């Protein structure tokens, strides 16, 4: 059994060599938004965790995130996408088909 009911890992990796990665595409800023917004939505009280991840290995698709225990991968570009993922996936248990990676 998982410690958390659901766990979102959002890549905020920065590669020093200039290779494609999530941070230059908004990874850090969007993680900060997801963390703050998750607290506002009461995810902690629902035993749902939002965490920053290092490289998730899908750099060319970035920024990316994965939600466990389902193992569902998403790409996103802005706060509206993150909001939709938080609301629909974490709170309602739905998938956002247009953002699936």
PDB file of N, CA and C in Angstrom:
ATOM      1  N   UNK A   1       0.837  -1.183   0.000  1.00  0.00           N
ATOM      2  CA  UNK A   1       0.000   0.000   0.000  1.00  0.00           C
ATOM      3  C   UNK A   1       0.882   1.246   0.000  1.00  0.00           C
ATOM      4  N   UNK A   2       0.552   2.211  -0.812  1.00  0.00           N
ATOM      5  CA  UNK A   2       1.282   3.470  -0.894  1.00  0.00           C
ATOM      6  C   UNK A   2       1.118   4.289   0.375  1.00  0.00           C
ATOM      7  N   UNK A   3       2.111   5.093   0.638  1.00  0.00           N
ATOM      8  CA  UNK A   3       2.023   6.017   1.759  1.00  0.00           C
ATOM      9  C   UNK A   3       1.018   7.120   1.451  1.00  0.00           C
ATOM     10  N   UNK A   4       1.040   7.596   0.190  1.00  0.00           N
ATOM     11  CA  UNK A   4       0.098   8.620  -0.250  1.00  0.00           C
ATOM     12  C   UNK A   4      -0.976   7.981  -1.121  1.00  0.00           C
ATOM     13  N   UNK A   5      -2.160   8.538  -1.084  1.00  0.00           N
ATOM     14  CA  UNK A   5      -3.247   8.075  -1.947  1.00  0.00           C
ATOM     15  C   UNK A   5      -2.856   8.287  -3.414  1.00  0.00           C
ATOM     16  N   UNK A   6      -2.319   9.461  -3.700  1.00  0.00           N
ATOM     17  CA  UNK A   6      -1.785   9.782  -5.029  1.00  0.00           C
ATOM     18  C   UNK A   6      -0.538  10.617  -4.823  1.00  0.00           C
ATOM     19  N   UNK A   7       0.375  10.523  -5.788  1.00  0.00           N
ATOM     20  CA  UNK A   7       1.620  11.281  -5.702  1.00  0.00           C
ATOM     21  C   UNK A   7       1.977  11.792  -7.088  1.00  0.00           C
ATOM     22  N   UNK A   8       2.012  13.119  -7.234  1.00  0.00           N
ATOM     23  CA  UNK A   8       2.365  13.764  -8.489  1.00  0.00           C
ATOM     24  C   UNK A   8       3.837  14.161  -8.418  1.00  0.00           C
ATOM     25  N   UNK A   9       4.616  13.726  -9.415  1.00  0.00           N
ATOM     26  CA  UNK A   9       6.016  14.117  -9.539  1.00  0.00           C
ATOM     27  C   UNK A   9       6.143  14.995 -10.785  1.00  0.00           C
ATOM     28  N   UNK A  10       6.568  16.230 -10.585  1.00  0.00           N
ATOM     29  CA  UNK A  10       6.698  17.188 -11.677  1.00  0.00           C
ATOM     30  C   UNK A  10       8.180  17.446 -11.923  1.00  0.00           C
ATOM     31  N   UNK A  11       8.626  17.234 -13.157  1.00  0.00           N
ATOM     32  CA  UNK A  11      10.035  17.424 -13.494  1.00  0.00           C
ATOM     33  C   UNK A  11      10.378  18.913 -13.533  1.00  0.00           C
ATOM     34  N   UNK A  12      11.455  19.249 -12.835  1.00  0.00           N
ATOM     35  CA  UNK A  12      11.994  20.606 -12.865  1.00  0.00           C
ATOM     36  C   UNK A  12      13.502  20.524 -13.116  1.00  0.00           C
ATOM     37  N   UNK A  13      13.917  19.533 -13.871  1.00  0.00           N
ATOM     38  CA  UNK A  13      15.340  19.278 -14.105  1.00  0.00           C
ATOM     39  C   UNK A  13      15.961  20.333 -15.013  1.00  0.00           C
ATOM     40  N   UNK A  14      17.190  20.698 -14.681  1.00  0.00           N
ATOM     41  CA  UNK A  14      17.988  21.610 -15.504  1.00  0.00           C
ATOM     42  C   UNK A  14      19.280  20.903 -15.871  1.00  0.00           C
ATOM     43  N   UNK A  15      19.493  20.666 -17.143  1.00  0.00           N
ATOM     44  CA  UNK A  15      20.735  20.040 -17.595  1.00  0.00           C
ATOM     45  C   UNK A  15      21.767  21.119 -17.888  1.00  0.00           C
ATOM     46  N   UNK A  16      22.986  20.924 -17.454  1.00  0.00           N
ATOM     47  CA  UNK A  16      24.013  21.952 -17.655  1.00  0.00           C
ATOM     48  C   UNK A  16      24.516  22.043 -19.086  1.00  0.00           C
ATOM     49  N   UNK A  17      24.277  21.041 -19.893  1.00  0.00           N
ATOM     50  CA  UNK A  17      24.869  21.000 -21.231  1.00  0.00           C
ATOM     51  C   UNK A  17      24.010  21.628 -22.314  1.00  0.00           C
ATOM     52  N   UNK A  18      22.859  22.168 -21.966  1.00  0.00           N
ATOM     53  CA  UNK A  18      21.999  22.772 -22.962  1.00  0.00           C
ATOM     54  C   UNK A  18      21.094  21.785 -23.670  1.00  0.00           C
ATOM     55  N   UNK A  19      21.111  20.523 -23.255  1.00  0.00           N
ATOM     56  CA  UNK A  19      20.210  19.532 -23.837  1.00  0.00           C
ATOM     57  C   UNK A  19      18.769  19.869 -23.449  1.00  0.00           C
ATOM     58  N   UNK A  20      17.810  19.387 -24.231  1.00  0.00           N
ATOM     59  CA  UNK A  20      16.414  19.640 -23.867  1.00  0.00           C
ATOM     60  C   UNK A  20      16.118  19.120 -22.459  1.00  0.00           C
ATOM     61  N   UNK A  21      15.385  19.906 -21.699  1.00  0.00           N
ATOM     62  CA  UNK A  21      14.963  19.507 -20.363  1.00  0.00           C
ATOM     63  C   UNK A  21      13.765  20.359 -19.947  1.00  0.00           C
ATOM     64  N   UNK A  22      13.181  20.019 -18.830  1.00  0.00           N
ATOM     65  CA  UNK A  22      11.908  20.632 -18.429  1.00  0.00           C
ATOM     66  C   UNK A  22      12.024  22.026 -17.818  1.00  0.00           C
ATOM     67  N   UNK A  23      13.095  22.306 -17.086  1.00  0.00           N
ATOM     68  CA  UNK A  23      13.162  23.580 -16.376  1.00  0.00           C
ATOM     69  C   UNK A  23      13.100  24.805 -17.289  1.00  0.00           C
ATOM     70  N   UNK A  24      13.860  24.852 -18.386  1.00  0.00           N
ATOM     71  CA  UNK A  24      13.774  26.027 -19.244  1.00  0.00           C
ATOM     72  C   UNK A  24      12.393  26.205 -19.902  1.00  0.00           C
ATOM     73  N   UNK A  25      11.598  25.156 -19.869  1.00  0.00           N
ATOM     74  CA  UNK A  25      10.251  25.221 -20.437  1.00  0.00           C
ATOM     75  C   UNK A  25       9.208  25.527 -19.356  1.00  0.00           C
ATOM     76  N   UNK A  26       9.664  25.991 -18.212  1.00  0.00           N
ATOM     77  CA  UNK A  26       8.749  26.398 -17.153  1.00  0.00           C
ATOM     78  C   UNK A  26       8.637  25.444 -15.993  1.00  0.00           C
ATOM     79  N   UNK A  27       9.488  24.419 -15.922  1.00  0.00           N
ATOM     80  CA  UNK A  27       9.388  23.398 -14.891  1.00  0.00           C
ATOM     81  C   UNK A  27       9.363  23.945 -13.474  1.00  0.00           C
ATOM     82  N   UNK A  28      10.309  24.816 -13.125  1.00  0.00           N
ATOM     83  CA  UNK A  28      10.367  25.355 -11.759  1.00  0.00           C
ATOM     84  C   UNK A  28       9.147  26.195 -11.413  1.00  0.00           C
ATOM     85  N   UNK A  29       8.819  27.116 -12.286  1.00  0.00           N
ATOM     86  CA  UNK A  29       7.682  28.010 -12.018  1.00  0.00           C
ATOM     87  C   UNK A  29       6.369  27.230 -11.941  1.00  0.00           C
ATOM     88  N   UNK A  30       6.206  26.256 -12.810  1.00  0.00           N
ATOM     89  CA  UNK A  30       4.970  25.476 -12.804  1.00  0.00           C
ATOM     90  C   UNK A  30       4.914  24.523 -11.617  1.00  0.00           C
ATOM     91  N   UNK A  31       6.082  24.036 -11.159  1.00  0.00           N
ATOM     92  CA  UNK A  31       6.081  23.252  -9.929  1.00  0.00           C
ATOM     93  C   UNK A  31       5.631  24.123  -8.756  1.00  0.00           C
ATOM     94  N   UNK A  32       6.181  25.335  -8.654  1.00  0.00           N
ATOM     95  CA  UNK A  32       5.814  26.232  -7.556  1.00  0.00           C
ATOM     96  C   UNK A  32       4.308  26.505  -7.573  1.00  0.00           C
ATOM     97  N   UNK A  33       3.759  26.710  -8.761  1.00  0.00           N
ATOM     98  CA  UNK A  33       2.314  26.921  -8.873  1.00  0.00           C
ATOM     99  C   UNK A  33       1.551  25.682  -8.423  1.00  0.00           C
ATOM    100  N   UNK A  34       1.972  24.508  -8.879  1.00  0.00           N
ATOM    101  CA  UNK A  34       1.276  23.260  -8.530  1.00  0.00           C
ATOM    102  C   UNK A  34       1.316  23.016  -7.026  1.00  0.00           C
ATOM    103  N   UNK A  35       2.447  23.264  -6.402  1.00  0.00           N
ATOM    104  CA  UNK A  35       2.595  23.059  -4.962  1.00  0.00           C
ATOM    105  C   UNK A  35       1.671  24.007  -4.190  1.00  0.00           C
ATOM    106  N   UNK A  36       1.705  25.288  -4.566  1.00  0.00           N
ATOM    107  CA  UNK A  36       0.875  26.298  -3.897  1.00  0.00           C
ATOM    108  C   UNK A  36      -0.605  26.008  -4.104  1.00  0.00           C
ATOM    109  N   UNK A  37      -0.954  25.724  -5.336  1.00  0.00           N
ATOM    110  CA  UNK A  37      -2.362  25.481  -5.667  1.00  0.00           C
ATOM    111  C   UNK A  37      -2.857  24.195  -5.011  1.00  0.00           C
ATOM    112  N   UNK A  38      -2.006  23.192  -4.951  1.00  0.00           N
ATOM    113  CA  UNK A  38      -2.371  21.947  -4.285  1.00  0.00           C
ATOM    114  C   UNK A  38      -2.719  22.173  -2.821  1.00  0.00           C
ATOM    115  N   UNK A  39      -1.940  23.014  -2.146  1.00  0.00           N
ATOM    116  CA  UNK A  39      -2.235  23.342  -0.748  1.00  0.00           C
ATOM    117  C   UNK A  39      -3.568  24.073  -0.639  1.00  0.00           C
ATOM    118  N   UNK A  40      -3.805  25.016  -1.558  1.00  0.00           N
ATOM    119  CA  UNK A  40      -5.075  25.750  -1.542  1.00  0.00           C
ATOM    120  C   UNK A  40      -6.269  24.817  -1.744  1.00  0.00           C
ATOM    121  N   UNK A  41      -6.085  23.788  -2.551  1.00  0.00           N
ATOM    122  CA  UNK A  41      -7.164  22.837  -2.831  1.00  0.00           C
ATOM    123  C   UNK A  41      -7.308  21.764  -1.750  1.00  0.00           C
ATOM    124  N   UNK A  42      -6.398  21.756  -0.785  1.00  0.00           N
ATOM    125  CA  UNK A  42      -6.474  20.790   0.302  1.00  0.00           C
ATOM    126  C   UNK A  42      -5.974  19.400  -0.046  1.00  0.00           C
ATOM    127  N   UNK A  43      -5.050  19.321  -0.997  1.00  0.00           N
ATOM    128  CA  UNK A  43      -4.538  18.007  -1.387  1.00  0.00           C
ATOM    129  C   UNK A  43      -3.832  17.303  -0.236  1.00  0.00           C
ATOM    130  N   UNK A  44      -3.115  18.073   0.591  1.00  0.00           N
ATOM    131  CA  UNK A  44      -2.430  17.462   1.738  1.00  0.00           C
ATOM    132  C   UNK A  44      -3.427  16.740   2.642  1.00  0.00           C
ATOM    133  N   UNK A  45      -4.546  17.382   2.906  1.00  0.00           N
ATOM    134  CA  UNK A  45      -5.571  16.783   3.769  1.00  0.00           C
ATOM    135  C   UNK A  45      -6.178  15.539   3.135  1.00  0.00           C
ATOM    136  N   UNK A  46      -6.148  15.459   1.804  1.00  0.00           N
ATOM    137  CA  UNK A  46      -6.680  14.297   1.082  1.00  0.00           C
ATOM    138  C   UNK A  46      -5.606  13.221   0.883  1.00  0.00           C
ATOM    139  N   UNK A  47      -4.429  13.416   1.515  1.00  0.00           N
ATOM    140  CA  UNK A  47      -3.315  12.472   1.421  1.00  0.00           C
ATOM    141  C   UNK A  47      -2.777  12.362  -0.016  1.00  0.00           C
ATOM    142  N   UNK A  48      -2.753  13.517  -0.694  1.00  0.00           N
ATOM    143  CA  UNK A  48      -2.220  13.606  -2.052  1.00  0.00           C
ATOM    144  C   UNK A  48      -1.013  14.537  -1.999  1.00  0.00           C
ATOM    145  N   UNK A  49       0.095  14.103  -2.569  1.00  0.00           N
ATOM    146  CA  UNK A  49       1.353  14.842  -2.483  1.00  0.00           C
ATOM    147  C   UNK A  49       1.776  15.351  -3.855  1.00  0.00           C
ATOM    148  N   UNK A  50       2.289  16.590  -3.900  1.00  0.00           N
ATOM    149  CA  UNK A  50       2.883  17.176  -5.106  1.00  0.00           C
ATOM    150  C   UNK A  50       4.363  17.365  -4.819  1.00  0.00           C
ATOM    151  N   UNK A  51       5.226  16.729  -5.619  1.00  0.00           N
ATOM    152  CA  UNK A  51       6.671  16.784  -5.387  1.00  0.00           C
ATOM    153  C   UNK A  51       7.434  17.178  -6.646  1.00  0.00           C
ATOM    154  N   UNK A  52       8.546  17.854  -6.428  1.00  0.00           N
ATOM    155  CA  UNK A  52       9.475  18.179  -7.513  1.00  0.00           C
ATOM    156  C   UNK A  52      10.298  16.930  -7.791  1.00  0.00           C
ATOM    157  N   UNK A  53      10.563  16.681  -9.045  1.00  0.00           N
ATOM    158  CA  UNK A  53      11.397  15.545  -9.429  1.00  0.00           C
ATOM    159  C   UNK A  53      12.593  16.043 -10.221  1.00  0.00           C
ATOM    160  N   UNK A  54      13.646  15.273 -10.176  1.00  0.00           N
ATOM    161  CA  UNK A  54      14.752  15.494 -11.091  1.00  0.00           C
ATOM    162  C   UNK A  54      14.318  14.950 -12.449  1.00  0.00           C
ATOM    163  N   UNK A  55      15.242  14.564 -13.257  1.00  0.00           N
ATOM    164  CA  UNK A  55      14.915  14.100 -14.600  1.00  0.00           C
ATOM    165  C   UNK A  55      14.004  12.874 -14.567  1.00  0.00           C
ATOM    166  N   UNK A  56      12.898  12.970 -15.283  1.00  0.00           N
ATOM    167  CA  UNK A  56      11.970  11.851 -15.418  1.00  0.00           C
ATOM    168  C   UNK A  56      12.216  11.076 -16.706  1.00  0.00           C
ATOM    169  N   UNK A  57      13.202  11.506 -17.491  1.00  0.00           N
ATOM    170  CA  UNK A  57      13.597  10.765 -18.682  1.00  0.00           C
ATOM    171  C   UNK A  57      12.745  10.997 -19.918  1.00  0.00           C
ATOM    172  N   UNK A  58      11.932  12.014 -19.906  1.00  0.00           N
ATOM    173  CA  UNK A  58      11.112  12.333 -21.082  1.00  0.00           C
ATOM    174  C   UNK A  58      11.362  13.779 -21.506  1.00  0.00           C
ATOM    175  N   UNK A  59      12.625  14.118 -21.568  1.00  0.00           N
ATOM    176  CA  UNK A  59      13.051  15.501 -21.781  1.00  0.00           C
ATOM    177  C   UNK A  59      12.488  16.140 -23.046  1.00  0.00           C
ATOM    178  N   UNK A  60      12.422  15.397 -24.111  1.00  0.00           N
ATOM    179  CA  UNK A  60      11.951  15.963 -25.372  1.00  0.00           C
ATOM    180  C   UNK A  60      10.463  16.301 -25.339  1.00  0.00           C
ATOM    181  N   UNK A  61       9.724  15.716 -24.406  1.00  0.00           N
ATOM    182  CA  UNK A  61       8.297  15.994 -24.283  1.00  0.00           C
ATOM    183  C   UNK A  61       8.006  17.082 -23.265  1.00  0.00           C
ATOM    184  N   UNK A  62       9.021  17.546 -22.556  1.00  0.00           N
ATOM    185  CA  UNK A  62       8.863  18.398 -21.387  1.00  0.00           C
ATOM    186  C   UNK A  62       8.114  19.681 -21.609  1.00  0.00           C
ATOM    187  N   UNK A  63       7.685  20.273 -20.530  1.00  0.00           N
ATOM    188  CA  UNK A  63       7.755  19.725 -19.190  1.00  0.00           C
ATOM    189  C   UNK A  63       6.770  18.567 -19.005  1.00  0.00           C
ATOM    190  N   UNK A  64       7.133  17.654 -18.118  1.00  0.00           N
ATOM    191  CA  UNK A  64       6.305  16.469 -17.888  1.00  0.00           C
ATOM    192  C   UNK A  64       6.076  16.243 -16.396  1.00  0.00           C
ATOM    193  N   UNK A  65       5.046  15.458 -16.134  1.00  0.00           N
ATOM    194  CA  UNK A  65       4.781  15.000 -14.775  1.00  0.00           C
ATOM    195  C   UNK A  65       4.166  13.622 -14.853  1.00  0.00           C
ATOM    196  N   UNK A  66       4.228  12.910 -13.734  1.00  0.00           N
ATOM    197  CA  UNK A  66       3.631  11.581 -13.651  1.00  0.00           C
ATOM    198  C   UNK A  66       2.867  11.499 -12.336  1.00  0.00           C
ATOM    199  N   UNK A  67       1.748  10.818 -12.369  1.00  0.00           N
ATOM    200  CA  UNK A  67       0.933  10.629 -11.175  1.00  0.00           C
ATOM    201  C   UNK A  67       0.896   9.147 -10.846  1.00  0.00           C
ATOM    202  N   UNK A  68       1.296   8.835  -9.608  1.00  0.00           N
ATOM    203  CA  UNK A  68       1.255   7.466  -9.109  1.00  0.00           C
ATOM    204  C   UNK A  68       0.182   7.351  -8.047  1.00  0.00           C
ATOM    205  N   UNK A  69      -0.445   6.198  -7.868  1.00  0.00           N
ATOM    206  CA  UNK A  69       0.022   4.896  -8.304  1.00  0.00           C
ATOM    207  C   UNK A  69      -0.396   4.524  -9.724  1.00  0.00           C
ATOM    208  N   UNK A  70      -1.191   5.359 -10.393  1.00  0.00           N
ATOM    209  CA  UNK A  70      -1.667   4.998 -11.728  1.00  0.00           C
ATOM    210  C   UNK A  70      -0.555   4.927 -12.767  1.00  0.00           C
ATOM    211  N   UNK A  71       0.491   5.755 -12.602  1.00  0.00           N
ATOM    212  CA  UNK A  71       1.561   5.810 -13.595  1.00  0.00           C
ATOM    213  C   UNK A  71       1.129   6.522 -14.856  1.00  0.00           C
ATOM    214  N   UNK A  72       0.289   7.545 -14.709  1.00  0.00           N
ATOM    215  CA  UNK A  72      -0.211   8.311 -15.850  1.00  0.00           C
ATOM    216  C   UNK A  72       0.697   9.524 -16.058  1.00  0.00           C
ATOM    217  N   UNK A  73       1.164   9.695 -17.304  1.00  0.00           N
ATOM    218  CA  UNK A  73       2.086  10.766 -17.677  1.00  0.00           C
ATOM    219  C   UNK A  73       1.364  11.883 -18.400  1.00  0.00           C
ATOM    220  N   UNK A  74       1.764  13.124 -18.081  1.00  0.00           N
ATOM    221  CA  UNK A  74       1.194  14.300 -18.728  1.00  0.00           C
ATOM    222  C   UNK A  74       2.293  15.254 -19.169  1.00  0.00           C
ATOM    223  N   UNK A  75       2.003  16.002 -20.234  1.00  0.00           N
ATOM    224  CA  UNK A  75       2.800  17.164 -20.605  1.00  0.00           C
ATOM    225  C   UNK A  75       1.897  18.373 -20.367  1.00  0.00           C
ATOM    226  N   UNK A  76       2.492  19.537 -20.217  1.00  0.00           N
ATOM    227  CA  UNK A  76       1.727  20.741 -19.918  1.00  0.00           C
ATOM    228  C   UNK A  76       2.531  21.943 -20.350  1.00  0.00           C
ATOM    229  N   UNK A  77       1.850  23.083 -20.502  1.00  0.00           N
ATOM    230  CA  UNK A  77       2.585  24.277 -20.909  1.00  0.00           C
ATOM    231  C   UNK A  77       2.343  25.483 -20.004  1.00  0.00           C
ATOM    232  N   UNK A  78       1.270  25.457 -19.218  1.00  0.00           N
ATOM    233  CA  UNK A  78       0.976  26.649 -18.431  1.00  0.00           C
ATOM    234  C   UNK A  78       0.182  26.314 -17.170  1.00  0.00           C
ATOM    235  N   UNK A  79      -0.115  27.341 -16.395  1.00  0.00           N
ATOM    236  CA  UNK A  79      -0.846  27.156 -15.142  1.00  0.00           C
ATOM    237  C   UNK A  79      -2.247  26.594 -15.369  1.00  0.00           C
ATOM    238  N   UNK A  80      -2.868  26.936 -16.470  1.00  0.00           N
ATOM    239  CA  UNK A  80      -4.197  26.404 -16.766  1.00  0.00           C
ATOM    240  C   UNK A  80      -4.161  24.886 -16.931  1.00  0.00           C
ATOM    241  N   UNK A  81      -3.115  24.387 -17.586  1.00  0.00           N
ATOM    242  CA  UNK A  81      -2.959  22.929 -17.724  1.00  0.00           C
ATOM    243  C   UNK A  81      -2.753  22.275 -16.357  1.00  0.00           C
ATOM    244  N   UNK A  82      -1.911  22.884 -15.518  1.00  0.00           N
ATOM    245  CA  UNK A  82      -1.671  22.341 -14.180  1.00  0.00           C
ATOM    246  C   UNK A  82      -2.966  22.350 -13.369  1.00  0.00           C
ATOM    247  N   UNK A  83      -3.696  23.432 -13.431  1.00  0.00           N
ATOM    248  CA  UNK A  83      -4.967  23.530 -12.708  1.00  0.00           C
ATOM    249  C   UNK A  83      -5.920  22.419 -13.139  1.00  0.00           C
ATOM    250  N   UNK A  84      -6.003  22.179 -14.440  1.00  0.00           N
ATOM    251  CA  UNK A  84      -6.879  21.123 -14.944  1.00  0.00           C
ATOM    252  C   UNK A  84      -6.438  19.742 -14.448  1.00  0.00           C
ATOM    253  N   UNK A  85      -5.139  19.500 -14.434  1.00  0.00           N
ATOM    254  CA  UNK A  85      -4.621  18.216 -13.943  1.00  0.00           C
ATOM    255  C   UNK A  85      -4.932  18.051 -12.461  1.00  0.00           C
ATOM    256  N   UNK A  86      -4.694  19.090 -11.669  1.00  0.00           N
ATOM    257  CA  UNK A  86      -4.979  19.011 -10.232  1.00  0.00           C
ATOM    258  C   UNK A  86      -6.457  18.738  -9.972  1.00  0.00           C
ATOM    259  N   UNK A  87      -7.302  19.504 -10.635  1.00  0.00           N
ATOM    260  CA  UNK A  87      -8.745  19.385 -10.416  1.00  0.00           C
ATOM    261  C   UNK A  87      -9.289  18.044 -10.907  1.00  0.00           C
ATOM    262  N   UNK A  88      -8.991  17.730 -12.147  1.00  0.00           N
ATOM    263  CA  UNK A  88      -9.604  16.546 -12.752  1.00  0.00           C
ATOM    264  C   UNK A  88      -8.940  15.241 -12.328  1.00  0.00           C
ATOM    265  N   UNK A  89      -7.605  15.217 -12.316  1.00  0.00           N
ATOM    266  CA  UNK A  89      -6.907  13.956 -12.031  1.00  0.00           C
ATOM    267  C   UNK A  89      -6.815  13.676 -10.547  1.00  0.00           C
ATOM    268  N   UNK A  90      -6.331  14.648  -9.802  1.00  0.00           N
ATOM    269  CA  UNK A  90      -6.091  14.395  -8.391  1.00  0.00           C
ATOM    270  C   UNK A  90      -7.354  14.467  -7.542  1.00  0.00           C
ATOM    271  N   UNK A  91      -8.256  15.362  -7.873  1.00  0.00           N
ATOM    272  CA  UNK A  91      -9.454  15.500  -7.052  1.00  0.00           C
ATOM    273  C   UNK A  91     -10.624  14.642  -7.533  1.00  0.00           C
ATOM    274  N   UNK A  92     -10.769  14.497  -8.848  1.00  0.00           N
ATOM    275  CA  UNK A  92     -11.929  13.759  -9.362  1.00  0.00           C
ATOM    276  C   UNK A  92     -11.596  12.389  -9.945  1.00  0.00           C
ATOM    277  N   UNK A  93     -10.312  12.065 -10.078  1.00  0.00           N
ATOM    278  CA  UNK A  93      -9.925  10.757 -10.589  1.00  0.00           C
ATOM    279  C   UNK A  93     -10.141  10.579 -12.080  1.00  0.00           C
ATOM    280  N   UNK A  94     -10.207  11.676 -12.820  1.00  0.00           N
ATOM    281  CA  UNK A  94     -10.390  11.626 -14.273  1.00  0.00           C
ATOM    282  C   UNK A  94      -9.030  11.767 -14.961  1.00  0.00           C
ATOM    283  N   UNK A  95      -9.026  11.569 -16.259  1.00  0.00           N
ATOM    284  CA  UNK A  95      -7.828  11.820 -17.068  1.00  0.00           C
ATOM    285  C   UNK A  95      -8.074  13.004 -17.980  1.00  0.00           C
ATOM    286  N   UNK A  96      -7.010  13.746 -18.254  1.00  0.00           N
ATOM    287  CA  UNK A  96      -7.064  14.852 -19.204  1.00  0.00           C
ATOM    288  C   UNK A  96      -6.438  14.336 -20.478  1.00  0.00           C
ATOM    289  N   UNK A  97      -7.256  13.807 -21.349  1.00  0.00           N
ATOM    290  CA  UNK A  97      -6.775  13.109 -22.553  1.00  0.00           C
ATOM    291  C   UNK A  97      -5.866  13.977 -23.404  1.00  0.00           C
ATOM    292  N   UNK A  98      -6.181  15.257 -23.539  1.00  0.00           N
ATOM    293  CA  UNK A  98      -5.405  16.126 -24.435  1.00  0.00           C
ATOM    294  C   UNK A  98      -3.981  16.363 -23.933  1.00  0.00           C
ATOM    295  N   UNK A  99      -3.705  16.096 -22.652  1.00  0.00           N
ATOM    296  CA  UNK A  99      -2.382  16.315 -22.093  1.00  0.00           C
ATOM    297  C   UNK A  99      -1.594  15.037 -21.830  1.00  0.00           C
ATOM    298  N   UNK A 100      -2.165  13.898 -22.148  1.00  0.00           N
ATOM    299  CA  UNK A 100      -1.463  12.630 -21.916  1.00  0.00           C
ATOM    300  C   UNK A 100      -0.162  12.577 -22.721  1.00  0.00           C
ATOM    301  N   UNK A 101       0.885  12.107 -22.078  1.00  0.00           N
ATOM    302  CA  UNK A 101       2.188  12.017 -22.753  1.00  0.00           C
ATOM    303  C   UNK A 101       2.387  10.607 -23.279  1.00  0.00           C
TER     304      UNK A 101
END
